[in-house]
Structures are given as C-alpha cells and as structure tokens.
Amino acid sequence: MAIAADAPRTLAGFLVSFEGNDRGTFWPLYQGKNVVGRKAAIDGLDIEIDHPTTSSRHAVIHAAARPGSLKLEDPGSTNGTYLNEEKVAKGMPVELRDGDTLRFGGYTTTVKVV
C-alpha cells in the first residue's frame, strides 16, 4: 500500500478493546503507517498497548482512507500477531476487514473501518 508522504492525516479506522476497561479503549488509525507496541517501550509508537505480552514494536497497520483500506504486518513480534485467531506470518501483510479480531500477544482488539 503506497501512501504519498504528503498525504493528509485522514482517519481510516479504529482499534477497539474492552480488556481491562468495561467502557472500552480505542485508538484511531490514520492514513499511512500506524505502529503498534507496548506502552512506553520505544519512541514513535502510534498505538500504545499496556500489556506485558505486547512487544515493544509489535505490528504495523498500513491505512488508506476513502475508501478505508487496512493492512496488518508483524515485523517479528515475540508473542505473535493473530488475525481472527490465525497467526500472521512475519513480514507478510494481510488485509483487514471491519469487525476482524486482532490479538497482539495476549491483548485482543477489534478492527473498525471508517
């Protein structure tokens, strides 16, 4: 998925989780590269997950807006990234759809495409 460096920061979707918070926690997915990792582990994370099984740089979600299109890639996490409970192969981007379940190690989220 090629997004121009000067492309506007447009909302393409969300990740939502109810783990540890009955009201839910959500993270916006903006057009371009969204880096997912363990909270406060490294600089440059777009989505910080506060869970010990999430790697410091666990996954990358590439997003395009209008229409919303999302691709997930695991750069080599320690505990794996799972799409609908199937392990994502390292370095092999996979298409995401609205309602998909993602698991970063032991932390589960749901994909919402805008």
PDB file of N, CA and C in Angstrom:
ATOM      1  N   MET A   1       0.854  -1.165   0.000  1.00  0.00           N
ATOM      2  CA  MET A   1       0.000   0.000   0.000  1.00  0.00           C
ATOM      3  C   MET A   1       0.905   1.235   0.000  1.00  0.00           C
ATOM      4  N   ALA A   2       0.864   1.991  -1.061  1.00  0.00           N
ATOM      5  CA  ALA A   2       1.704   3.180  -1.179  1.00  0.00           C
ATOM      6  C   ALA A   2       0.892   4.434  -0.862  1.00  0.00           C
ATOM      7  N   ILE A   3       1.324   5.156   0.147  1.00  0.00           N
ATOM      8  CA  ILE A   3       0.687   6.415   0.539  1.00  0.00           C
ATOM      9  C   ILE A   3       1.745   7.504   0.381  1.00  0.00           C
ATOM     10  N   ALA A   4       1.412   8.559  -0.322  1.00  0.00           N
ATOM     11  CA  ALA A   4       2.349   9.664  -0.528  1.00  0.00           C
ATOM     12  C   ALA A   4       2.739  10.285   0.812  1.00  0.00           C
ATOM     13  N   ALA A   5       3.995  10.680   0.929  1.00  0.00           N
ATOM     14  CA  ALA A   5       4.498  11.270   2.170  1.00  0.00           C
ATOM     15  C   ALA A   5       3.731  12.534   2.562  1.00  0.00           C
ATOM     16  N   ASP A   6       3.211  13.254   1.573  1.00  0.00           N
ATOM     17  CA  ASP A   6       2.479  14.486   1.870  1.00  0.00           C
ATOM     18  C   ASP A   6       0.960  14.281   1.932  1.00  0.00           C
ATOM     19  N   ALA A   7       0.518  13.022   1.978  1.00  0.00           N
ATOM     20  CA  ALA A   7      -0.924  12.732   2.056  1.00  0.00           C
ATOM     21  C   ALA A   7      -1.478  13.259   3.377  1.00  0.00           C
ATOM     22  N   PRO A   8      -2.718  13.753   3.370  1.00  0.00           N
ATOM     23  CA  PRO A   8      -3.306  14.272   4.611  1.00  0.00           C
ATOM     24  C   PRO A   8      -3.496  13.166   5.648  1.00  0.00           C
ATOM     25  N   ARG A   9      -3.451  13.548   6.920  1.00  0.00           N
ATOM     26  CA  ARG A   9      -3.623  12.599   8.017  1.00  0.00           C
ATOM     27  C   ARG A   9      -5.123  12.370   8.214  1.00  0.00           C
ATOM     28  N   THR A  10      -5.691  11.515   7.376  1.00  0.00           N
ATOM     29  CA  THR A  10      -7.118  11.254   7.348  1.00  0.00           C
ATOM     30  C   THR A  10      -7.451   9.998   8.140  1.00  0.00           C
ATOM     31  N   LEU A  11      -8.547  10.017   8.890  1.00  0.00           N
ATOM     32  CA  LEU A  11      -8.983   8.870   9.666  1.00  0.00           C
ATOM     33  C   LEU A  11      -9.434   7.746   8.736  1.00  0.00           C
ATOM     34  N   ALA A  12      -8.915   6.538   8.965  1.00  0.00           N
ATOM     35  CA  ALA A  12      -9.273   5.377   8.145  1.00  0.00           C
ATOM     36  C   ALA A  12      -9.979   4.294   8.950  1.00  0.00           C
ATOM     37  N   GLY A  13      -9.837   4.326  10.272  1.00  0.00           N
ATOM     38  CA  GLY A  13     -10.463   3.312  11.105  1.00  0.00           C
ATOM     39  C   GLY A  13     -10.071   3.460  12.558  1.00  0.00           C
ATOM     40  N   PHE A  14     -10.399   2.421  13.347  1.00  0.00           N
ATOM     41  CA  PHE A  14     -10.099   2.386  14.779  1.00  0.00           C
ATOM     42  C   PHE A  14      -9.741   0.968  15.187  1.00  0.00           C
ATOM     43  N   LEU A  15      -9.024   0.851  16.286  1.00  0.00           N
ATOM     44  CA  LEU A  15      -8.923  -0.402  17.033  1.00  0.00           C
ATOM     45  C   LEU A  15      -9.674  -0.155  18.329  1.00  0.00           C
ATOM     46  N   VAL A  16     -10.458  -1.138  18.774  1.00  0.00           N
ATOM     47  CA  VAL A  16     -11.256  -1.029  19.985  1.00  0.00           C
ATOM     48  C   VAL A  16     -11.002  -2.259  20.843  1.00  0.00           C
ATOM     49  N   SER A  17     -10.869  -2.053  22.164  1.00  0.00           N
ATOM     50  CA  SER A  17     -10.702  -3.178  23.081  1.00  0.00           C
ATOM     51  C   SER A  17     -11.490  -2.923  24.357  1.00  0.00           C
ATOM     52  N   PHE A  18     -11.998  -4.008  24.939  1.00  0.00           N
ATOM     53  CA  PHE A  18     -12.699  -3.935  26.210  1.00  0.00           C
ATOM     54  C   PHE A  18     -11.925  -4.682  27.292  1.00  0.00           C
ATOM     55  N   GLU A  19     -10.677  -5.038  27.011  1.00  0.00           N
ATOM     56  CA  GLU A  19      -9.841  -5.711  28.001  1.00  0.00           C
ATOM     57  C   GLU A  19      -9.398  -4.719  29.057  1.00  0.00           C
ATOM     58  N   GLY A  20      -9.755  -4.993  30.306  1.00  0.00           N
ATOM     59  CA  GLY A  20      -9.340  -4.132  31.404  1.00  0.00           C
ATOM     60  C   GLY A  20     -10.109  -2.835  31.524  1.00  0.00           C
ATOM     61  N   ASN A  21     -11.106  -2.607  30.654  1.00  0.00           N
ATOM     62  CA  ASN A  21     -11.886  -1.375  30.705  1.00  0.00           C
ATOM     63  C   ASN A  21     -13.277  -1.653  30.144  1.00  0.00           C
ATOM     64  N   ASP A  22     -14.274  -1.724  31.026  1.00  0.00           N
ATOM     65  CA  ASP A  22     -15.643  -2.034  30.602  1.00  0.00           C
ATOM     66  C   ASP A  22     -16.211  -1.007  29.637  1.00  0.00           C
ATOM     67  N   ARG A  23     -15.716   0.215  29.680  1.00  0.00           N
ATOM     68  CA  ARG A  23     -16.185   1.269  28.771  1.00  0.00           C
ATOM     69  C   ARG A  23     -15.478   1.214  27.429  1.00  0.00           C
ATOM     70  N   GLY A  24     -14.404   0.473  27.381  1.00  0.00           N
ATOM     71  CA  GLY A  24     -13.660   0.331  26.135  1.00  0.00           C
ATOM     72  C   GLY A  24     -12.530   1.335  25.998  1.00  0.00           C
ATOM     73  N   THR A  25     -11.530   0.932  25.257  1.00  0.00           N
ATOM     74  CA  THR A  25     -10.403   1.785  24.899  1.00  0.00           C
ATOM     75  C   THR A  25     -10.323   1.751  23.386  1.00  0.00           C
ATOM     76  N   PHE A  26     -10.060   2.907  22.763  1.00  0.00           N
ATOM     77  CA  PHE A  26      -9.944   2.901  21.316  1.00  0.00           C
ATOM     78  C   PHE A  26      -8.755   3.731  20.873  1.00  0.00           C
ATOM     79  N   TRP A  27      -8.239   3.363  19.707  1.00  0.00           N
ATOM     80  CA  TRP A  27      -7.121   4.060  19.095  1.00  0.00           C
ATOM     81  C   TRP A  27      -7.482   4.356  17.645  1.00  0.00           C
ATOM     82  N   PRO A  28      -7.318   5.593  17.196  1.00  0.00           N
ATOM     83  CA  PRO A  28      -7.592   5.918  15.795  1.00  0.00           C
ATOM     84  C   PRO A  28      -6.496   5.353  14.889  1.00  0.00           C
ATOM     85  N   LEU A  29      -6.883   4.968  13.687  1.00  0.00           N
ATOM     86  CA  LEU A  29      -5.951   4.527  12.644  1.00  0.00           C
ATOM     87  C   LEU A  29      -5.991   5.580  11.548  1.00  0.00           C
ATOM     88  N   TYR A  30      -4.885   6.269  11.370  1.00  0.00           N
ATOM     89  CA  TYR A  30      -4.807   7.324  10.372  1.00  0.00           C
ATOM     90  C   TYR A  30      -4.135   6.823   9.099  1.00  0.00           C
ATOM     91  N   GLN A  31      -4.460   7.463   8.005  1.00  0.00           N
ATOM     92  CA  GLN A  31      -3.859   7.134   6.717  1.00  0.00           C
ATOM     93  C   GLN A  31      -2.334   7.136   6.864  1.00  0.00           C
ATOM     94  N   GLY A  32      -1.701   6.097   6.327  1.00  0.00           N
ATOM     95  CA  GLY A  32      -0.256   5.949   6.438  1.00  0.00           C
ATOM     96  C   GLY A  32       0.084   4.788   7.350  1.00  0.00           C
ATOM     97  N   LYS A  33       1.228   4.886   8.008  1.00  0.00           N
ATOM     98  CA  LYS A  33       1.745   3.809   8.854  1.00  0.00           C
ATOM     99  C   LYS A  33       1.379   4.070  10.306  1.00  0.00           C
ATOM    100  N   ASN A  34       0.781   3.058  10.971  1.00  0.00           N
ATOM    101  CA  ASN A  34       0.412   3.117  12.378  1.00  0.00           C
ATOM    102  C   ASN A  34       1.172   2.019  13.110  1.00  0.00           C
ATOM    103  N   VAL A  35       2.119   2.397  13.968  1.00  0.00           N
ATOM    104  CA  VAL A  35       2.967   1.427  14.665  1.00  0.00           C
ATOM    105  C   VAL A  35       2.339   1.071  16.007  1.00  0.00           C
ATOM    106  N   VAL A  36       2.184  -0.240  16.248  1.00  0.00           N
ATOM    107  CA  VAL A  36       1.581  -0.770  17.466  1.00  0.00           C
ATOM    108  C   VAL A  36       2.682  -1.363  18.333  1.00  0.00           C
ATOM    109  N   GLY A  37       2.684  -1.021  19.632  1.00  0.00           N
ATOM    110  CA  GLY A  37       3.679  -1.587  20.527  1.00  0.00           C
ATOM    111  C   GLY A  37       3.316  -1.418  21.984  1.00  0.00           C
ATOM    112  N   ARG A  38       4.186  -1.958  22.860  1.00  0.00           N
ATOM    113  CA  ARG A  38       3.963  -1.897  24.298  1.00  0.00           C
ATOM    114  C   ARG A  38       4.165  -0.471  24.811  1.00  0.00           C
ATOM    115  N   LYS A  39       3.242  -0.029  25.612  1.00  0.00           N
ATOM    116  CA  LYS A  39       3.226   1.338  26.148  1.00  0.00           C
ATOM    117  C   LYS A  39       4.575   1.718  26.761  1.00  0.00           C
ATOM    118  N   ALA A  40       5.091   2.875  26.324  1.00  0.00           N
ATOM    119  CA  ALA A  40       6.327   3.486  26.820  1.00  0.00           C
ATOM    120  C   ALA A  40       7.582   2.656  26.548  1.00  0.00           C
ATOM    121  N   ALA A  41       7.496   1.663  25.673  1.00  0.00           N
ATOM    122  CA  ALA A  41       8.666   0.813  25.394  1.00  0.00           C
ATOM    123  C   ALA A  41       9.666   1.489  24.473  1.00  0.00           C
ATOM    124  N   ILE A  42       9.169   2.176  23.447  1.00  0.00           N
ATOM    125  CA  ILE A  42      10.041   2.876  22.497  1.00  0.00           C
ATOM    126  C   ILE A  42       9.348   4.152  22.031  1.00  0.00           C
ATOM    127  N   ASP A  43      10.130   5.047  21.461  1.00  0.00           N
ATOM    128  CA  ASP A  43       9.576   6.261  20.867  1.00  0.00           C
ATOM    129  C   ASP A  43       8.964   5.931  19.516  1.00  0.00           C
ATOM    130  N   GLY A  44       7.994   6.739  19.097  1.00  0.00           N
ATOM    131  CA  GLY A  44       7.437   6.609  17.762  1.00  0.00           C
ATOM    132  C   GLY A  44       6.255   5.669  17.630  1.00  0.00           C
ATOM    133  N   LEU A  45       5.689   5.227  18.746  1.00  0.00           N
ATOM    134  CA  LEU A  45       4.502   4.365  18.673  1.00  0.00           C
ATOM    135  C   LEU A  45       3.261   5.221  18.441  1.00  0.00           C
ATOM    136  N   ASP A  46       2.397   4.747  17.569  1.00  0.00           N
ATOM    137  CA  ASP A  46       1.115   5.414  17.336  1.00  0.00           C
ATOM    138  C   ASP A  46       0.032   4.822  18.217  1.00  0.00           C
ATOM    139  N   ILE A  47       0.151   3.523  18.494  1.00  0.00           N
ATOM    140  CA  ILE A  47      -0.822   2.805  19.319  1.00  0.00           C
ATOM    141  C   ILE A  47      -0.048   2.108  20.429  1.00  0.00           C
ATOM    142  N   GLU A  48      -0.219   2.613  21.658  1.00  0.00           N
ATOM    143  CA  GLU A  48       0.479   2.055  22.805  1.00  0.00           C
ATOM    144  C   GLU A  48      -0.463   1.166  23.602  1.00  0.00           C
ATOM    145  N   ILE A  49      -0.084  -0.104  23.723  1.00  0.00           N
ATOM    146  CA  ILE A  49      -0.895  -1.084  24.440  1.00  0.00           C
ATOM    147  C   ILE A  49      -0.206  -1.419  25.755  1.00  0.00           C
ATOM    148  N   ASP A  50      -0.946  -1.286  26.843  1.00  0.00           N
ATOM    149  CA  ASP A  50      -0.408  -1.527  28.175  1.00  0.00           C
ATOM    150  C   ASP A  50      -0.637  -2.987  28.561  1.00  0.00           C
ATOM    151  N   HIS A  51       0.183  -3.878  27.975  1.00  0.00           N
ATOM    152  CA  HIS A  51       0.058  -5.311  28.251  1.00  0.00           C
ATOM    153  C   HIS A  51       1.438  -5.953  28.126  1.00  0.00           C
ATOM    154  N   PRO A  52       1.829  -6.800  29.086  1.00  0.00           N
ATOM    155  CA  PRO A  52       3.185  -7.358  29.082  1.00  0.00           C
ATOM    156  C   PRO A  52       3.505  -8.299  27.923  1.00  0.00           C
ATOM    157  N   THR A  53       2.488  -8.852  27.244  1.00  0.00           N
ATOM    158  CA  THR A  53       2.755  -9.775  26.134  1.00  0.00           C
ATOM    159  C   THR A  53       2.856  -9.067  24.788  1.00  0.00           C
ATOM    160  N   THR A  54       2.701  -7.754  24.789  1.00  0.00           N
ATOM    161  CA  THR A  54       2.832  -6.964  23.566  1.00  0.00           C
ATOM    162  C   THR A  54       4.290  -6.545  23.431  1.00  0.00           C
ATOM    163  N   SER A  55       4.884  -6.796  22.275  1.00  0.00           N
ATOM    164  CA  SER A  55       6.284  -6.433  22.036  1.00  0.00           C
ATOM    165  C   SER A  55       6.449  -4.926  21.930  1.00  0.00           C
ATOM    166  N   SER A  56       7.676  -4.464  22.089  1.00  0.00           N
ATOM    167  CA  SER A  56       7.937  -3.026  22.026  1.00  0.00           C
ATOM    168  C   SER A  56       7.526  -2.436  20.678  1.00  0.00           C
ATOM    169  N   ARG A  57       7.794  -3.161  19.598  1.00  0.00           N
ATOM    170  CA  ARG A  57       7.308  -2.780  18.253  1.00  0.00           C
ATOM    171  C   ARG A  57       6.641  -4.033  17.700  1.00  0.00           C
ATOM    172  N   HIS A  58       5.377  -4.189  18.028  1.00  0.00           N
ATOM    173  CA  HIS A  58       4.676  -5.444  17.790  1.00  0.00           C
ATOM    174  C   HIS A  58       4.163  -5.613  16.362  1.00  0.00           C
ATOM    175  N   ALA A  59       3.548  -4.575  15.806  1.00  0.00           N
ATOM    176  CA  ALA A  59       2.927  -4.691  14.483  1.00  0.00           C
ATOM    177  C   ALA A  59       2.833  -3.315  13.841  1.00  0.00           C
ATOM    178  N   VAL A  60       2.557  -3.322  12.547  1.00  0.00           N
ATOM    179  CA  VAL A  60       2.327  -2.084  11.805  1.00  0.00           C
ATOM    180  C   VAL A  60       1.015  -2.249  11.041  1.00  0.00           C
ATOM    181  N   ILE A  61       0.154  -1.243  11.132  1.00  0.00           N
ATOM    182  CA  ILE A  61      -1.079  -1.235  10.349  1.00  0.00           C
ATOM    183  C   ILE A  61      -0.947  -0.107   9.335  1.00  0.00           C
ATOM    184  N   HIS A  62      -0.976  -0.489   8.066  1.00  0.00           N
ATOM    185  CA  HIS A  62      -0.916   0.472   6.970  1.00  0.00           C
ATOM    186  C   HIS A  62      -2.352   0.805   6.595  1.00  0.00           C
ATOM    187  N   ALA A  63      -2.671   2.088   6.515  1.00  0.00           N
ATOM    188  CA  ALA A  63      -4.052   2.503   6.278  1.00  0.00           C
ATOM    189  C   ALA A  63      -4.156   3.477   5.114  1.00  0.00           C
ATOM    190  N   ALA A  64      -5.218   3.326   4.340  1.00  0.00           N
ATOM    191  CA  ALA A  64      -5.583   4.279   3.290  1.00  0.00           C
ATOM    192  C   ALA A  64      -7.033   4.672   3.538  1.00  0.00           C
ATOM    193  N   ALA A  65      -7.340   5.931   3.326  1.00  0.00           N
ATOM    194  CA  ALA A  65      -8.695   6.426   3.537  1.00  0.00           C
ATOM    195  C   ALA A  65      -9.390   6.647   2.200  1.00  0.00           C
ATOM    196  N   ARG A  66     -10.708   6.656   2.251  1.00  0.00           N
ATOM    197  CA  ARG A  66     -11.583   6.974   1.106  1.00  0.00           C
ATOM    198  C   ARG A  66     -11.324   6.123  -0.110  1.00  0.00           C
ATOM    199  N   PRO A  67     -11.752   4.919  -0.192  1.00  0.00           N
ATOM    200  CA  PRO A  67     -12.402   4.154   0.867  1.00  0.00           C
ATOM    201  C   PRO A  67     -11.374   3.574   1.832  1.00  0.00           C
ATOM    202  N   GLY A  68     -11.819   3.270   3.053  1.00  0.00           N
ATOM    203  CA  GLY A  68     -10.926   2.736   4.073  1.00  0.00           C
ATOM    204  C   GLY A  68     -10.354   1.385   3.671  1.00  0.00           C
ATOM    205  N   SER A  69      -9.060   1.278   3.758  1.00  0.00           N
ATOM    206  CA  SER A  69      -8.356   0.033   3.457  1.00  0.00           C
ATOM    207  C   SER A  69      -7.232  -0.112   4.472  1.00  0.00           C
ATOM    208  N   LEU A  70      -7.164  -1.272   5.134  1.00  0.00           N
ATOM    209  CA  LEU A  70      -6.169  -1.508   6.169  1.00  0.00           C
ATOM    210  C   LEU A  70      -5.414  -2.800   5.894  1.00  0.00           C
ATOM    211  N   LYS A  71      -4.093  -2.774   6.122  1.00  0.00           N
ATOM    212  CA  LYS A  71      -3.261  -3.972   6.024  1.00  0.00           C
ATOM    213  C   LYS A  71      -2.413  -4.071   7.274  1.00  0.00           C
ATOM    214  N   LEU A  72      -2.292  -5.284   7.778  1.00  0.00           N
ATOM    215  CA  LEU A  72      -1.556  -5.576   9.004  1.00  0.00           C
ATOM    216  C   LEU A  72      -0.270  -6.309   8.674  1.00  0.00           C
ATOM    217  N   GLU A  73       0.811  -5.936   9.360  1.00  0.00           N
ATOM    218  CA  GLU A  73       2.082  -6.616   9.183  1.00  0.00           C
ATOM    219  C   GLU A  73       2.742  -6.815  10.546  1.00  0.00           C
ATOM    220  N   ASP A  74       3.278  -8.001  10.785  1.00  0.00           N
ATOM    221  CA  ASP A  74       4.031  -8.293  12.002  1.00  0.00           C
ATOM    222  C   ASP A  74       5.512  -8.282  11.634  1.00  0.00           C
ATOM    223  N   PRO A  75       6.289  -7.321  12.176  1.00  0.00           N
ATOM    224  CA  PRO A  75       7.702  -7.237  11.817  1.00  0.00           C
ATOM    225  C   PRO A  75       8.584  -8.256  12.536  1.00  0.00           C
ATOM    226  N   GLY A  76       7.998  -9.089  13.399  1.00  0.00           N
ATOM    227  CA  GLY A  76       8.773 -10.094  14.125  1.00  0.00           C
ATOM    228  C   GLY A  76       8.556 -10.021  15.624  1.00  0.00           C
ATOM    229  N   SER A  77       7.315  -9.888  16.045  1.00  0.00           N
ATOM    230  CA  SER A  77       6.998  -9.793  17.470  1.00  0.00           C
ATOM    231  C   SER A  77       7.352 -11.093  18.194  1.00  0.00           C
ATOM    232  N   THR A  78       7.572 -10.995  19.491  1.00  0.00           N
ATOM    233  CA  THR A  78       7.946 -12.165  20.293  1.00  0.00           C
ATOM    234  C   THR A  78       6.773 -13.126  20.470  1.00  0.00           C
ATOM    235  N   ASN A  79       5.595 -12.608  20.784  1.00  0.00           N
ATOM    236  CA  ASN A  79       4.441 -13.461  21.091  1.00  0.00           C
ATOM    237  C   ASN A  79       3.418 -13.578  19.969  1.00  0.00           C
ATOM    238  N   GLY A  80       3.742 -13.074  18.803  1.00  0.00           N
ATOM    239  CA  GLY A  80       2.888 -13.238  17.632  1.00  0.00           C
ATOM    240  C   GLY A  80       1.732 -12.268  17.539  1.00  0.00           C
ATOM    241  N   THR A  81       1.288 -12.071  16.297  1.00  0.00           N
ATOM    242  CA  THR A  81       0.113 -11.265  15.986  1.00  0.00           C
ATOM    243  C   THR A  81      -0.887 -12.201  15.331  1.00  0.00           C
ATOM    244  N   TYR A  82      -2.138 -12.112  15.744  1.00  0.00           N
ATOM    245  CA  TYR A  82      -3.170 -13.028  15.261  1.00  0.00           C
ATOM    246  C   TYR A  82      -4.328 -12.250  14.654  1.00  0.00           C
ATOM    247  N   LEU A  83      -4.759 -12.690  13.497  1.00  0.00           N
ATOM    248  CA  LEU A  83      -5.930 -12.140  12.814  1.00  0.00           C
ATOM    249  C   LEU A  83      -7.014 -13.199  12.869  1.00  0.00           C
ATOM    250  N   ASN A  84      -8.095 -12.905  13.575  1.00  0.00           N
ATOM    251  CA  ASN A  84      -9.192 -13.877  13.751  1.00  0.00           C
ATOM    252  C   ASN A  84      -8.649 -15.220  14.219  1.00  0.00           C
ATOM    253  N   GLU A  85      -7.723 -15.178  15.179  1.00  0.00           N
ATOM    254  CA  GLU A  85      -7.088 -16.322  15.843  1.00  0.00           C
ATOM    255  C   GLU A  85      -6.163 -17.150  14.942  1.00  0.00           C
ATOM    256  N   GLU A  86      -5.800 -16.615  13.771  1.00  0.00           N
ATOM    257  CA  GLU A  86      -4.795 -17.257  12.922  1.00  0.00           C
ATOM    258  C   GLU A  86      -3.540 -16.406  12.957  1.00  0.00           C
ATOM    259  N   LYS A  87      -2.401 -17.064  13.210  1.00  0.00           N
ATOM    260  CA  LYS A  87      -1.140 -16.333  13.330  1.00  0.00           C
ATOM    261  C   LYS A  87      -0.757 -15.696  11.997  1.00  0.00           C
ATOM    262  N   VAL A  88      -0.351 -14.424  12.065  1.00  0.00           N
ATOM    263  CA  VAL A  88       0.095 -13.681  10.889  1.00  0.00           C
ATOM    264  C   VAL A  88       1.580 -13.978  10.688  1.00  0.00           C
ATOM    265  N   ALA A  89       1.957 -14.356   9.482  1.00  0.00           N
ATOM    266  CA  ALA A  89       3.358 -14.651   9.176  1.00  0.00           C
ATOM    267  C   ALA A  89       4.194 -13.381   9.223  1.00  0.00           C
ATOM    268  N   LYS A  90       5.385 -13.484   9.771  1.00  0.00           N
ATOM    269  CA  LYS A  90       6.299 -12.348   9.871  1.00  0.00           C
ATOM    270  C   LYS A  90       6.560 -11.741   8.497  1.00  0.00           C
ATOM    271  N   GLY A  91       6.376 -10.410   8.406  1.00  0.00           N
ATOM    272  CA  GLY A  91       6.689  -9.677   7.192  1.00  0.00           C
ATOM    273  C   GLY A  91       5.735  -9.876   6.027  1.00  0.00           C
ATOM    274  N   MET A  92       4.607 -10.541   6.247  1.00  0.00           N
ATOM    275  CA  MET A  92       3.630 -10.795   5.181  1.00  0.00           C
ATOM    276  C   MET A  92       2.347 -10.002   5.464  1.00  0.00           C
ATOM    277  N   PRO A  93       2.153  -8.847   4.807  1.00  0.00           N
ATOM    278  CA  PRO A  93       0.959  -8.035   5.065  1.00  0.00           C
ATOM    279  C   PRO A  93      -0.339  -8.781   4.722  1.00  0.00           C
ATOM    280  N   VAL A  94      -1.337  -8.602   5.580  1.00  0.00           N
ATOM    281  CA  VAL A  94      -2.654  -9.203   5.355  1.00  0.00           C
ATOM    282  C   VAL A  94      -3.718  -8.108   5.406  1.00  0.00           C
ATOM    283  N   GLU A  95      -4.749  -8.270   4.594  1.00  0.00           N
ATOM    284  CA  GLU A  95      -5.855  -7.317   4.512  1.00  0.00           C
ATOM    285  C   GLU A  95      -6.734  -7.443   5.757  1.00  0.00           C
ATOM    286  N   LEU A  96      -7.173  -6.293   6.286  1.00  0.00           N
ATOM    287  CA  LEU A  96      -8.099  -6.276   7.416  1.00  0.00           C
ATOM    288  C   LEU A  96      -9.470  -5.829   6.949  1.00  0.00           C
ATOM    289  N   ARG A  97     -10.492  -6.378   7.601  1.00  0.00           N
ATOM    290  CA  ARG A  97     -11.877  -6.005   7.299  1.00  0.00           C
ATOM    291  C   ARG A  97     -12.565  -5.552   8.578  1.00  0.00           C
ATOM    292  N   ASP A  98     -13.619  -4.769   8.419  1.00  0.00           N
ATOM    293  CA  ASP A  98     -14.408  -4.300   9.540  1.00  0.00           C
ATOM    294  C   ASP A  98     -14.884  -5.486  10.374  1.00  0.00           C
ATOM    295  N   GLY A  99     -14.661  -5.425  11.681  1.00  0.00           N
ATOM    296  CA  GLY A  99     -15.100  -6.487  12.580  1.00  0.00           C
ATOM    297  C   GLY A  99     -14.067  -7.567  12.844  1.00  0.00           C
ATOM    298  N   ASP A 100     -12.933  -7.543  12.133  1.00  0.00           N
ATOM    299  CA  ASP A 100     -11.878  -8.525  12.388  1.00  0.00           C
ATOM    300  C   ASP A 100     -11.376  -8.386  13.814  1.00  0.00           C
ATOM    301  N   THR A 101     -10.922  -9.504  14.376  1.00  0.00           N
ATOM    302  CA  THR A 101     -10.306  -9.515  15.693  1.00  0.00           C
ATOM    303  C   THR A 101      -8.795  -9.613  15.515  1.00  0.00           C
ATOM    304  N   LEU A 102      -8.073  -8.722  16.199  1.00  0.00           N
ATOM    305  CA  LEU A 102      -6.607  -8.753  16.204  1.00  0.00           C
ATOM    306  C   LEU A 102      -6.151  -9.039  17.619  1.00  0.00           C
ATOM    307  N   ARG A 103      -5.122  -9.873  17.721  1.00  0.00           N
ATOM    308  CA  ARG A 103      -4.526 -10.141  19.031  1.00  0.00           C
ATOM    309  C   ARG A 103      -3.033  -9.878  18.929  1.00  0.00           C
ATOM    310  N   PHE A 104      -2.556  -8.981  19.782  1.00  0.00           N
ATOM    311  CA  PHE A 104      -1.139  -8.642  19.862  1.00  0.00           C
ATOM    312  C   PHE A 104      -0.603  -9.341  21.103  1.00  0.00           C
ATOM    313  N   GLY A 105       0.032 -10.511  20.926  1.00  0.00           N
ATOM    314  CA  GLY A 105       0.399 -11.337  22.069  1.00  0.00           C
ATOM    315  C   GLY A 105      -0.889 -11.824  22.712  1.00  0.00           C
ATOM    316  N   GLY A 106      -1.162 -11.372  23.938  1.00  0.00           N
ATOM    317  CA  GLY A 106      -2.387 -11.774  24.632  1.00  0.00           C
ATOM    318  C   GLY A 106      -3.435 -10.683  24.734  1.00  0.00           C
ATOM    319  N   TYR A 107      -3.267  -9.586  24.004  1.00  0.00           N
ATOM    320  CA  TYR A 107      -4.190  -8.461  24.090  1.00  0.00           C
ATOM    321  C   TYR A 107      -5.051  -8.393  22.837  1.00  0.00           C
ATOM    322  N   THR A 108      -6.378  -8.445  23.009  1.00  0.00           N
ATOM    323  CA  THR A 108      -7.303  -8.540  21.893  1.00  0.00           C
ATOM    324  C   THR A 108      -7.982  -7.200  21.587  1.00  0.00           C
ATOM    325  N   THR A 109      -8.079  -6.901  20.287  1.00  0.00           N
ATOM    326  CA  THR A 109      -8.775  -5.697  19.803  1.00  0.00           C
ATOM    327  C   THR A 109      -9.691  -6.086  18.654  1.00  0.00           C
ATOM    328  N   THR A 110     -10.593  -5.172  18.313  1.00  0.00           N
ATOM    329  CA  THR A 110     -11.485  -5.334  17.170  1.00  0.00           C
ATOM    330  C   THR A 110     -11.229  -4.200  16.198  1.00  0.00           C
ATOM    331  N   VAL A 111     -11.230  -4.506  14.898  1.00  0.00           N
ATOM    332  CA  VAL A 111     -10.987  -3.520  13.844  1.00  0.00           C
ATOM    333  C   VAL A 111     -12.307  -2.881  13.428  1.00  0.00           C
ATOM    334  N   LYS A 112     -12.310  -1.561  13.332  1.00  0.00           N
ATOM    335  CA  LYS A 112     -13.447  -0.825  12.782  1.00  0.00           C
ATOM    336  C   LYS A 112     -12.925   0.029  11.634  1.00  0.00           C
ATOM    337  N   VAL A 113     -13.433  -0.217  10.440  1.00  0.00           N
ATOM    338  CA  VAL A 113     -13.025   0.539   9.263  1.00  0.00           C
ATOM    339  C   VAL A 113     -14.040   1.644   9.039  1.00  0.00           C
ATOM    340  N   VAL A 114     -13.550   2.853   8.765  1.00  0.00           N
ATOM    341  CA  VAL A 114     -14.432   4.005   8.546  1.00  0.00           C
ATOM    342  C   VAL A 114     -14.744   4.110   7.070  1.00  0.00           C
TER     343      VAL A 114
END
